[in-house]
Amino acid sequence: QVKVATEKESWYLSALYTATFGAYIGFASAFPYLMSR
């Protein structure tokens, strides 16, 4: 499982998912306090 997860294509897809899901959770976490400021 580790071998599949750490191959090149997995890292490419993880990078794209980071930009979407990472942005979703990150913005959702930061925005309530950001808006209050």
Full PDB file with SEQRES, HELIX, SHEET, SSBOND, CRYST1, ORIGX, SCALE, CONECT and MASTER records, all heavy atoms in Angstrom:
SEQRES   1 A   37  GLN VAL LYS VAL ALA THR GLU LYS GLU SER TRP TYR LEU          
SEQRES   2 A   37  SER ALA LEU TYR THR ALA THR PHE GLY ALA TYR ILE GLY          
SEQRES   3 A   37  PHE ALA SER ALA PHE PRO TYR LEU MET SER ARG                  
HELIX    1 AA1 VAL A    2  ALA A    5  1                                   4    
HELIX    2 AA2 LYS A    8  TYR A   17  1                                  10    
HELIX    3 AA3 THR A   18  GLY A   22  3                                   5    
HELIX    4 AA4 ALA A   23  SER A   36  1                                  14    
CRYST1    1.000    1.000    1.000  90.00  90.00  90.00 P 1           1          
ORIGX1      1.000000  0.000000  0.000000        0.00000                         
ORIGX2      0.000000  1.000000  0.000000        0.00000                         
ORIGX3      0.000000  0.000000  1.000000        0.00000                         
SCALE1      1.000000  0.000000  0.000000        0.00000                         
SCALE2      0.000000  1.000000  0.000000        0.00000                         
SCALE3      0.000000  0.000000  1.000000        0.00000                         
ATOM      1  N   GLN A   1       0.824  -1.200   0.000  1.00  0.00           N  
ATOM      2  CA  GLN A   1       0.000   0.000   0.000  1.00  0.00           C  
ATOM      3  C   GLN A   1       0.864   1.259   0.000  1.00  0.00           C  
ATOM      4  O   GLN A   1       0.578   2.228  -0.714  1.00  0.00           O  
ATOM      5  CB  GLN A   1      -0.926   0.002   1.214  1.00  0.00           C  
ATOM      6  CG  GLN A   1      -1.976  -1.098   1.184  1.00  0.00           C  
ATOM      7  CD  GLN A   1      -2.961  -0.961   2.322  1.00  0.00           C  
ATOM      8  OE1 GLN A   1      -3.708   0.004   2.400  1.00  0.00           O  
ATOM      9  NE2 GLN A   1      -2.956  -1.922   3.231  1.00  0.00           N  
ATOM     10  N   VAL A   2       1.927   1.230   0.787  1.00  0.00           N  
ATOM     11  CA  VAL A   2       2.832   2.384   0.839  1.00  0.00           C  
ATOM     12  C   VAL A   2       3.488   2.617  -0.517  1.00  0.00           C  
ATOM     13  O   VAL A   2       3.648   3.760  -0.962  1.00  0.00           O  
ATOM     14  CB  VAL A   2       3.910   2.186   1.923  1.00  0.00           C  
ATOM     15  CG1 VAL A   2       4.975   3.276   1.844  1.00  0.00           C  
ATOM     16  CG2 VAL A   2       3.267   2.181   3.309  1.00  0.00           C  
ATOM     17  N   LYS A   3       3.842   1.531  -1.202  1.00  0.00           N  
ATOM     18  CA  LYS A   3       4.470   1.640  -2.520  1.00  0.00           C  
ATOM     19  C   LYS A   3       3.540   2.335  -3.517  1.00  0.00           C  
ATOM     20  O   LYS A   3       3.959   3.204  -4.280  1.00  0.00           O  
ATOM     21  CB  LYS A   3       4.851   0.250  -3.029  1.00  0.00           C  
ATOM     22  CG  LYS A   3       5.591   0.272  -4.360  1.00  0.00           C  
ATOM     23  CD  LYS A   3       5.969  -1.137  -4.793  1.00  0.00           C  
ATOM     24  CE  LYS A   3       6.685  -1.097  -6.154  1.00  0.00           C  
ATOM     25  NZ  LYS A   3       7.061  -2.469  -6.609  1.00  0.00           N  
ATOM     26  N   VAL A   4       2.260   1.960  -3.501  1.00  0.00           N  
ATOM     27  CA  VAL A   4       1.283   2.589  -4.399  1.00  0.00           C  
ATOM     28  C   VAL A   4       1.106   4.064  -4.033  1.00  0.00           C  
ATOM     29  O   VAL A   4       1.066   4.950  -4.904  1.00  0.00           O  
ATOM     30  CB  VAL A   4      -0.072   1.861  -4.320  1.00  0.00           C  
ATOM     31  CG1 VAL A   4      -1.150   2.632  -5.088  1.00  0.00           C  
ATOM     32  CG2 VAL A   4       0.052   0.448  -4.860  1.00  0.00           C  
ATOM     33  N   ALA A   5       1.010   4.354  -2.742  1.00  0.00           N  
ATOM     34  CA  ALA A   5       0.727   5.710  -2.292  1.00  0.00           C  
ATOM     35  C   ALA A   5       1.861   6.681  -2.594  1.00  0.00           C  
ATOM     36  O   ALA A   5       1.616   7.872  -2.792  1.00  0.00           O  
ATOM     37  CB  ALA A   5       0.438   5.713  -0.784  1.00  0.00           C  
ATOM     38  N   THR A   6       3.078   6.191  -2.628  1.00  0.00           N  
ATOM     39  CA  THR A   6       4.217   7.098  -2.750  1.00  0.00           C  
ATOM     40  C   THR A   6       4.824   7.138  -4.147  1.00  0.00           C  
ATOM     41  O   THR A   6       5.868   7.760  -4.349  1.00  0.00           O  
ATOM     42  CB  THR A   6       5.314   6.699  -1.741  1.00  0.00           C  
ATOM     43  OG1 THR A   6       5.654   5.313  -1.918  1.00  0.00           O  
ATOM     44  CG2 THR A   6       4.842   6.915  -0.317  1.00  0.00           C  
ATOM     45  N   GLU A   7       4.187   6.520  -5.133  1.00  0.00           N  
ATOM     46  CA  GLU A   7       4.712   6.617  -6.486  1.00  0.00           C  
ATOM     47  C   GLU A   7       4.418   7.995  -7.078  1.00  0.00           C  
ATOM     48  O   GLU A   7       3.619   8.772  -6.538  1.00  0.00           O  
ATOM     49  CB  GLU A   7       4.139   5.522  -7.376  1.00  0.00           C  
ATOM     50  CG  GLU A   7       2.658   5.650  -7.646  1.00  0.00           C  
ATOM     51  CD  GLU A   7       2.167   4.595  -8.629  1.00  0.00           C  
ATOM     52  OE1 GLU A   7       2.967   3.727  -9.006  1.00  0.00           O  
ATOM     53  OE2 GLU A   7       0.995   4.663  -9.012  1.00  0.00           O  
ATOM     54  N   LYS A   8       5.041   8.292  -8.213  1.00  0.00           N  
ATOM     55  CA  LYS A   8       5.002   9.630  -8.807  1.00  0.00           C  
ATOM     56  C   LYS A   8       3.586  10.124  -9.076  1.00  0.00           C  
ATOM     57  O   LYS A   8       3.232  11.257  -8.719  1.00  0.00           O  
ATOM     58  CB  LYS A   8       5.811   9.613 -10.103  1.00  0.00           C  
ATOM     59  CG  LYS A   8       5.860  10.938 -10.843  1.00  0.00           C  
ATOM     60  CD  LYS A   8       6.725  10.819 -12.095  1.00  0.00           C  
ATOM     61  CE  LYS A   8       6.108   9.880 -13.108  1.00  0.00           C  
ATOM     62  NZ  LYS A   8       6.885   9.838 -14.382  1.00  0.00           N  
ATOM     63  N   GLU A   9       2.748   9.287  -9.690  1.00  0.00           N  
ATOM     64  CA  GLU A   9       1.396   9.736 -10.060  1.00  0.00           C  
ATOM     65  C   GLU A   9       0.572  10.073  -8.829  1.00  0.00           C  
ATOM     66  O   GLU A   9      -0.243  11.006  -8.845  1.00  0.00           O  
ATOM     67  CB  GLU A   9       0.694   8.656 -10.878  1.00  0.00           C  
ATOM     68  CG  GLU A   9      -0.445   9.170 -11.735  1.00  0.00           C  
ATOM     69  CD  GLU A   9       0.038  10.156 -12.787  1.00  0.00           C  
ATOM     70  OE1 GLU A   9       0.999   9.840 -13.508  1.00  0.00           O  
ATOM     71  OE2 GLU A   9      -0.560  11.250 -12.878  1.00  0.00           O  
ATOM     72  N   SER A  10       0.767   9.329  -7.764  1.00  0.00           N  
ATOM     73  CA  SER A  10       0.047   9.603  -6.522  1.00  0.00           C  
ATOM     74  C   SER A  10       0.403  10.988  -5.981  1.00  0.00           C  
ATOM     75  O   SER A  10      -0.470  11.726  -5.502  1.00  0.00           O  
ATOM     76  CB  SER A  10       0.374   8.531  -5.484  1.00  0.00           C  
ATOM     77  OG  SER A  10      -0.236   8.826  -4.249  1.00  0.00           O  
ATOM     78  N   TRP A  11       1.672  11.358  -6.067  1.00  0.00           N  
ATOM     79  CA  TRP A  11       2.084  12.686  -5.586  1.00  0.00           C  
ATOM     80  C   TRP A  11       1.504  13.794  -6.467  1.00  0.00           C  
ATOM     81  O   TRP A  11       1.111  14.860  -5.967  1.00  0.00           O  
ATOM     82  CB  TRP A  11       3.608  12.783  -5.554  1.00  0.00           C  
ATOM     83  CG  TRP A  11       4.223  12.040  -4.405  1.00  0.00           C  
ATOM     84  CD1 TRP A  11       4.921  10.871  -4.456  1.00  0.00           C  
ATOM     85  CD2 TRP A  11       4.160  12.404  -3.018  1.00  0.00           C  
ATOM     86  NE1 TRP A  11       5.302  10.484  -3.197  1.00  0.00           N  
ATOM     87  CE2 TRP A  11       4.859  11.403  -2.290  1.00  0.00           C  
ATOM     88  CE3 TRP A  11       3.585  13.465  -2.317  1.00  0.00           C  
ATOM     89  CZ2 TRP A  11       4.997  11.442  -0.911  1.00  0.00           C  
ATOM     90  CZ3 TRP A  11       3.726  13.504  -0.940  1.00  0.00           C  
ATOM     91  CH2 TRP A  11       4.419  12.504  -0.244  1.00  0.00           C  
ATOM     92  N   TYR A  12       1.443  13.562  -7.786  1.00  0.00           N  
ATOM     93  CA  TYR A  12       0.838  14.567  -8.673  1.00  0.00           C  
ATOM     94  C   TYR A  12      -0.623  14.806  -8.304  1.00  0.00           C  
ATOM     95  O   TYR A  12      -1.081  15.954  -8.179  1.00  0.00           O  
ATOM     96  CB  TYR A  12       0.917  14.102 -10.132  1.00  0.00           C  
ATOM     97  CG  TYR A  12       2.303  14.068 -10.725  1.00  0.00           C  
ATOM     98  CD1 TYR A  12       2.600  13.241 -11.813  1.00  0.00           C  
ATOM     99  CD2 TYR A  12       3.330  14.867 -10.220  1.00  0.00           C  
ATOM    100  CE1 TYR A  12       3.864  13.200 -12.370  1.00  0.00           C  
ATOM    101  CE2 TYR A  12       4.604  14.834 -10.770  1.00  0.00           C  
ATOM    102  CZ  TYR A  12       4.869  14.000 -11.833  1.00  0.00           C  
ATOM    103  OH  TYR A  12       6.119  13.969 -12.383  1.00  0.00           O  
ATOM    104  N   LEU A  13      -1.363  13.713  -8.146  1.00  0.00           N  
ATOM    105  CA  LEU A  13      -2.784  13.833  -7.815  1.00  0.00           C  
ATOM    106  C   LEU A  13      -2.978  14.435  -6.425  1.00  0.00           C  
ATOM    107  O   LEU A  13      -3.916  15.203  -6.198  1.00  0.00           O  
ATOM    108  CB  LEU A  13      -3.446  12.457  -7.900  1.00  0.00           C  
ATOM    109  CG  LEU A  13      -3.517  11.862  -9.318  1.00  0.00           C  
ATOM    110  CD1 LEU A  13      -3.827  10.377  -9.267  1.00  0.00           C  
ATOM    111  CD2 LEU A  13      -4.543  12.602 -10.160  1.00  0.00           C  
ATOM    112  N   SER A  14      -2.082  14.097  -5.508  1.00  0.00           N  
ATOM    113  CA  SER A  14      -2.165  14.668  -4.160  1.00  0.00           C  
ATOM    114  C   SER A  14      -1.945  16.171  -4.186  1.00  0.00           C  
ATOM    115  O   SER A  14      -2.580  16.919  -3.432  1.00  0.00           O  
ATOM    116  CB  SER A  14      -1.125  14.003  -3.247  1.00  0.00           C  
ATOM    117  OG  SER A  14      -1.397  12.632  -3.070  1.00  0.00           O  
ATOM    118  N   ALA A  15      -1.046  16.632  -5.052  1.00  0.00           N  
ATOM    119  CA  ALA A  15      -0.784  18.066  -5.162  1.00  0.00           C  
ATOM    120  C   ALA A  15      -2.031  18.812  -5.649  1.00  0.00           C  
ATOM    121  O   ALA A  15      -2.386  19.877  -5.116  1.00  0.00           O  
ATOM    122  CB  ALA A  15       0.390  18.317  -6.100  1.00  0.00           C  
ATOM    123  N   LEU A  16      -2.706  18.252  -6.652  1.00  0.00           N  
ATOM    124  CA  LEU A  16      -3.924  18.899  -7.154  1.00  0.00           C  
ATOM    125  C   LEU A  16      -5.030  18.872  -6.106  1.00  0.00           C  
ATOM    126  O   LEU A  16      -5.772  19.857  -5.936  1.00  0.00           O  
ATOM    127  CB  LEU A  16      -4.399  18.191  -8.434  1.00  0.00           C  
ATOM    128  CG  LEU A  16      -3.475  18.296  -9.652  1.00  0.00           C  
ATOM    129  CD1 LEU A  16      -4.086  17.541 -10.831  1.00  0.00           C  
ATOM    130  CD2 LEU A  16      -3.222  19.749 -10.021  1.00  0.00           C  
ATOM    131  N   TYR A  17      -5.149  17.752  -5.403  1.00  0.00           N  
ATOM    132  CA  TYR A  17      -6.177  17.649  -4.376  1.00  0.00           C  
ATOM    133  C   TYR A  17      -5.874  18.581  -3.203  1.00  0.00           C  
ATOM    134  O   TYR A  17      -6.789  19.101  -2.558  1.00  0.00           O  
ATOM    135  CB  TYR A  17      -6.289  16.201  -3.904  1.00  0.00           C  
ATOM    136  CG  TYR A  17      -7.514  15.920  -3.068  1.00  0.00           C  
ATOM    137  CD1 TYR A  17      -8.787  16.191  -3.570  1.00  0.00           C  
ATOM    138  CD2 TYR A  17      -7.408  15.378  -1.798  1.00  0.00           C  
ATOM    139  CE1 TYR A  17      -9.913  15.928  -2.813  1.00  0.00           C  
ATOM    140  CE2 TYR A  17      -8.528  15.110  -1.034  1.00  0.00           C  
ATOM    141  CZ  TYR A  17      -9.781  15.387  -1.546  1.00  0.00           C  
ATOM    142  OH  TYR A  17     -10.891  15.137  -0.791  1.00  0.00           O  
ATOM    143  N   THR A  18      -4.589  18.800  -2.938  1.00  0.00           N  
ATOM    144  CA  THR A  18      -4.203  19.747  -1.894  1.00  0.00           C  
ATOM    145  C   THR A  18      -4.702  21.144  -2.228  1.00  0.00           C  
ATOM    146  O   THR A  18      -5.159  21.884  -1.346  1.00  0.00           O  
ATOM    147  CB  THR A  18      -2.670  19.772  -1.726  1.00  0.00           C  
ATOM    148  OG1 THR A  18      -2.231  18.487  -1.290  1.00  0.00           O  
ATOM    149  CG2 THR A  18      -2.238  20.812  -0.709  1.00  0.00           C  
ATOM    150  N   ALA A  19      -4.624  21.500  -3.504  1.00  0.00           N  
ATOM    151  CA  ALA A  19      -5.045  22.838  -3.926  1.00  0.00           C  
ATOM    152  C   ALA A  19      -6.551  23.036  -3.835  1.00  0.00           C  
ATOM    153  O   ALA A  19      -7.024  24.176  -3.747  1.00  0.00           O  
ATOM    154  CB  ALA A  19      -4.573  23.106  -5.354  1.00  0.00           C  
ATOM    155  N   THR A  20      -7.323  21.947  -3.846  1.00  0.00           N  
ATOM    156  CA  THR A  20      -8.781  22.090  -3.780  1.00  0.00           C  
ATOM    157  C   THR A  20      -9.312  21.748  -2.386  1.00  0.00           C  
ATOM    158  O   THR A  20      -9.905  22.583  -1.717  1.00  0.00           O  
ATOM    159  CB  THR A  20      -9.449  21.198  -4.838  1.00  0.00           C  
ATOM    160  OG1 THR A  20      -9.017  19.836  -4.672  1.00  0.00           O  
ATOM    161  CG2 THR A  20      -9.096  21.660  -6.226  1.00  0.00           C  
ATOM    162  N   PHE A  21      -9.067  20.511  -1.930  1.00  0.00           N  
ATOM    163  CA  PHE A  21      -9.545  20.135  -0.603  1.00  0.00           C  
ATOM    164  C   PHE A  21      -8.788  20.891   0.490  1.00  0.00           C  
ATOM    165  O   PHE A  21      -9.374  21.325   1.483  1.00  0.00           O  
ATOM    166  CB  PHE A  21      -9.389  18.626  -0.391  1.00  0.00           C  
ATOM    167  CG  PHE A  21      -9.848  18.168   0.968  1.00  0.00           C  
ATOM    168  CD1 PHE A  21     -11.200  18.030   1.241  1.00  0.00           C  
ATOM    169  CD2 PHE A  21      -8.940  17.903   1.977  1.00  0.00           C  
ATOM    170  CE1 PHE A  21     -11.631  17.630   2.498  1.00  0.00           C  
ATOM    171  CE2 PHE A  21      -9.357  17.496   3.229  1.00  0.00           C  
ATOM    172  CZ  PHE A  21     -10.712  17.362   3.494  1.00  0.00           C  
ATOM    173  N   GLY A  22      -7.473  21.056   0.313  1.00  0.00           N  
ATOM    174  CA  GLY A  22      -6.696  21.827   1.289  1.00  0.00           C  
ATOM    175  C   GLY A  22      -7.203  23.254   1.387  1.00  0.00           C  
ATOM    176  O   GLY A  22      -7.299  23.820   2.477  1.00  0.00           O  
ATOM    177  N   ALA A  23      -7.552  23.832   0.223  1.00  0.00           N  
ATOM    178  CA  ALA A  23      -8.102  25.193   0.228  1.00  0.00           C  
ATOM    179  C   ALA A  23      -9.470  25.222   0.902  1.00  0.00           C  
ATOM    180  O   ALA A  23      -9.789  26.157   1.650  1.00  0.00           O  
ATOM    181  CB  ALA A  23      -8.203  25.710  -1.205  1.00  0.00           C  
ATOM    182  N   TYR A  24     -10.286  24.198   0.631  1.00  0.00           N  
ATOM    183  CA  TYR A  24     -11.620  24.145   1.233  1.00  0.00           C  
ATOM    184  C   TYR A  24     -11.545  24.130   2.760  1.00  0.00           C  
ATOM    185  O   TYR A  24     -12.150  24.968   3.434  1.00  0.00           O  
ATOM    186  CB  TYR A  24     -12.358  22.908   0.713  1.00  0.00           C  
ATOM    187  CG  TYR A  24     -13.535  22.496   1.557  1.00  0.00           C  
ATOM    188  CD1 TYR A  24     -14.613  23.350   1.738  1.00  0.00           C  
ATOM    189  CD2 TYR A  24     -13.561  21.251   2.189  1.00  0.00           C  
ATOM    190  CE1 TYR A  24     -15.699  22.979   2.522  1.00  0.00           C  
ATOM    191  CE2 TYR A  24     -14.634  20.870   2.962  1.00  0.00           C  
ATOM    192  CZ  TYR A  24     -15.697  21.732   3.129  1.00  0.00           C  
ATOM    193  OH  TYR A  24     -16.752  21.364   3.914  1.00  0.00           O  
ATOM    194  N   ILE A  25     -10.799  23.181   3.318  1.00  0.00           N  
ATOM    195  CA  ILE A  25     -10.712  23.083   4.771  1.00  0.00           C  
ATOM    196  C   ILE A  25      -9.970  24.286   5.355  1.00  0.00           C  
ATOM    197  O   ILE A  25     -10.360  24.828   6.388  1.00  0.00           O  
ATOM    198  CB  ILE A  25     -10.010  21.773   5.174  1.00  0.00           C  
ATOM    199  CG1 ILE A  25     -10.880  20.570   4.806  1.00  0.00           C  
ATOM    200  CG2 ILE A  25      -9.713  21.757   6.666  1.00  0.00           C  
ATOM    201  CD1 ILE A  25     -12.189  20.489   5.578  1.00  0.00           C  
ATOM    202  N   GLY A  26      -8.898  24.711   4.695  1.00  0.00           N  
ATOM    203  CA  GLY A  26      -8.127  25.840   5.202  1.00  0.00           C  
ATOM    204  C   GLY A  26      -8.921  27.134   5.220  1.00  0.00           C  
ATOM    205  O   GLY A  26      -8.940  27.853   6.227  1.00  0.00           O  
ATOM    206  N   PHE A  27      -9.605  27.431   4.101  1.00  0.00           N  
ATOM    207  CA  PHE A  27     -10.436  28.642   4.056  1.00  0.00           C  
ATOM    208  C   PHE A  27     -11.596  28.548   5.040  1.00  0.00           C  
ATOM    209  O   PHE A  27     -11.943  29.527   5.705  1.00  0.00           O  
ATOM    210  CB  PHE A  27     -10.971  28.867   2.641  1.00  0.00           C  
ATOM    211  CG  PHE A  27      -9.979  29.445   1.683  1.00  0.00           C  
ATOM    212  CD1 PHE A  27      -9.806  28.901   0.415  1.00  0.00           C  
ATOM    213  CD2 PHE A  27      -9.198  30.533   2.038  1.00  0.00           C  
ATOM    214  CE1 PHE A  27      -8.881  29.431  -0.471  1.00  0.00           C  
ATOM    215  CE2 PHE A  27      -8.269  31.079   1.153  1.00  0.00           C  
ATOM    216  CZ  PHE A  27      -8.111  30.519  -0.104  1.00  0.00           C  
ATOM    217  N   ALA A  28     -12.222  27.369   5.124  1.00  0.00           N  
ATOM    218  CA  ALA A  28     -13.343  27.202   6.048  1.00  0.00           C  
ATOM    219  C   ALA A  28     -12.901  27.412   7.496  1.00  0.00           C  
ATOM    220  O   ALA A  28     -13.651  27.966   8.306  1.00  0.00           O  
ATOM    221  CB  ALA A  28     -13.958  25.813   5.881  1.00  0.00           C  
ATOM    222  N   SER A  29     -11.688  26.993   7.822  1.00  0.00           N  
ATOM    223  CA  SER A  29     -11.174  27.160   9.183  1.00  0.00           C  
ATOM    224  C   SER A  29     -10.826  28.615   9.485  1.00  0.00           C  
ATOM    225  O   SER A  29     -11.061  29.103  10.585  1.00  0.00           O  
ATOM    226  CB  SER A  29      -9.925  26.290   9.382  1.00  0.00           C  
ATOM    227  OG  SER A  29     -10.229  24.932   9.217  1.00  0.00           O  
ATOM    228  N   ALA A  30     -10.254  29.294   8.498  1.00  0.00           N  
ATOM    229  CA  ALA A  30      -9.740  30.645   8.737  1.00  0.00           C  
ATOM    230  C   ALA A  30     -10.799  31.733   8.600  1.00  0.00           C  
ATOM    231  O   ALA A  30     -10.699  32.777   9.248  1.00  0.00           O  
ATOM    232  CB  ALA A  30      -8.586  30.928   7.774  1.00  0.00           C  
ATOM    233  N   PHE A  31     -11.821  31.520   7.766  1.00  0.00           N  
ATOM    234  CA  PHE A  31     -12.720  32.604   7.412  1.00  0.00           C  
ATOM    235  C   PHE A  31     -13.577  33.152   8.559  1.00  0.00           C  
ATOM    236  O   PHE A  31     -13.809  34.355   8.615  1.00  0.00           O  
ATOM    237  CB  PHE A  31     -13.605  32.209   6.231  1.00  0.00           C  
ATOM    238  CG  PHE A  31     -13.113  32.772   4.927  1.00  0.00           C  
ATOM    239  CD1 PHE A  31     -12.463  31.966   4.006  1.00  0.00           C  
ATOM    240  CD2 PHE A  31     -13.276  34.105   4.624  1.00  0.00           C  
ATOM    241  CE1 PHE A  31     -11.990  32.474   2.812  1.00  0.00           C  
ATOM    242  CE2 PHE A  31     -12.814  34.636   3.433  1.00  0.00           C  
ATOM    243  CZ  PHE A  31     -12.163  33.816   2.517  1.00  0.00           C  
ATOM    244  N   PRO A  32     -14.094  32.326   9.478  1.00  0.00           N  
ATOM    245  CA  PRO A  32     -14.886  32.951  10.553  1.00  0.00           C  
ATOM    246  C   PRO A  32     -14.113  34.023  11.325  1.00  0.00           C  
ATOM    247  O   PRO A  32     -14.615  35.137  11.528  1.00  0.00           O  
ATOM    248  CB  PRO A  32     -15.234  31.749  11.452  1.00  0.00           C  
ATOM    249  CG  PRO A  32     -15.258  30.587  10.522  1.00  0.00           C  
ATOM    250  CD  PRO A  32     -14.153  30.855   9.548  1.00  0.00           C  
ATOM    251  N   TYR A  33     -12.889  33.706  11.722  1.00  0.00           N  
ATOM    252  CA  TYR A  33     -12.095  34.694  12.444  1.00  0.00           C  
ATOM    253  C   TYR A  33     -11.644  35.826  11.512  1.00  0.00           C  
ATOM    254  O   TYR A  33     -11.633  37.000  11.901  1.00  0.00           O  
ATOM    255  CB  TYR A  33     -10.881  34.029  13.091  1.00  0.00           C  
ATOM    256  CG  TYR A  33     -10.033  34.984  13.893  1.00  0.00           C  
ATOM    257  CD1 TYR A  33     -10.573  35.667  14.984  1.00  0.00           C  
ATOM    258  CD2 TYR A  33      -8.716  35.231  13.548  1.00  0.00           C  
ATOM    259  CE1 TYR A  33      -9.814  36.562  15.714  1.00  0.00           C  
ATOM    260  CE2 TYR A  33      -7.941  36.126  14.270  1.00  0.00           C  
ATOM    261  CZ  TYR A  33      -8.498  36.788  15.347  1.00  0.00           C  
ATOM    262  OH  TYR A  33      -7.745  37.687  16.067  1.00  0.00           O  
ATOM    263  N   LEU A  34     -11.307  35.498  10.265  1.00  0.00           N  
ATOM    264  CA  LEU A  34     -10.892  36.523   9.298  1.00  0.00           C  
ATOM    265  C   LEU A  34     -12.013  37.528   9.060  1.00  0.00           C  
ATOM    266  O   LEU A  34     -11.783  38.748   9.022  1.00  0.00           O  
ATOM    267  CB  LEU A  34     -10.501  35.846   7.987  1.00  0.00           C  
ATOM    268  CG  LEU A  34      -9.935  36.749   6.890  1.00  0.00           C  
ATOM    269  CD1 LEU A  34      -8.517  37.191   7.238  1.00  0.00           C  
ATOM    270  CD2 LEU A  34      -9.932  36.024   5.542  1.00  0.00           C  
ATOM    271  N   MET A  35     -13.234  37.043   8.911  1.00  0.00           N  
ATOM    272  CA  MET A  35     -14.367  37.934   8.682  1.00  0.00           C  
ATOM    273  C   MET A  35     -14.626  38.820   9.888  1.00  0.00           C  
ATOM    274  O   MET A  35     -14.951  40.005   9.751  1.00  0.00           O  
ATOM    275  CB  MET A  35     -15.610  37.107   8.333  1.00  0.00           C  
ATOM    276  CG  MET A  35     -15.513  36.426   6.975  1.00  0.00           C  
ATOM    277  SD  MET A  35     -16.825  35.224   6.666  1.00  0.00           S  
ATOM    278  CE  MET A  35     -18.228  36.310   6.420  1.00  0.00           C  
ATOM    279  N   SER A  36     -14.476  38.279  11.084  1.00  0.00           N  
ATOM    280  CA  SER A  36     -14.690  39.088  12.290  1.00  0.00           C  
ATOM    281  C   SER A  36     -13.651  40.202  12.404  1.00  0.00           C  
ATOM    282  O   SER A  36     -13.939  41.266  12.948  1.00  0.00           O  
ATOM    283  CB  SER A  36     -14.652  38.204  13.544  1.00  0.00           C  
ATOM    284  OG  SER A  36     -13.342  37.740  13.806  1.00  0.00           O  
ATOM    285  N   ARG A  37     -12.458  39.966  11.875  1.00  0.00           N  
ATOM    286  CA  ARG A  37     -11.414  40.996  11.913  1.00  0.00           C  
ATOM    287  C   ARG A  37     -11.685  42.115  10.916  1.00  0.00           C  
ATOM    288  O   ARG A  37     -11.528  43.294  11.230  1.00  0.00           O  
ATOM    289  CB  ARG A  37     -10.044  40.365  11.625  1.00  0.00           C  
ATOM    290  CG  ARG A  37      -9.434  39.683  12.842  1.00  0.00           C  
ATOM    291  CD  ARG A  37      -8.107  39.031  12.509  1.00  0.00           C  
ATOM    292  NE  ARG A  37      -7.136  39.930  11.910  1.00  0.00           N  
ATOM    293  CZ  ARG A  37      -6.420  40.828  12.575  1.00  0.00           C  
ATOM    294  NH1 ARG A  37      -6.586  40.974  13.883  1.00  0.00           N  
ATOM    295  NH2 ARG A  37      -5.541  41.587  11.945  1.00  0.00           N  
TER     296      ARG A  37                                                      
MASTER        0    0    0    4    0    0    0    6  295    1    0    3          
END                                                                             
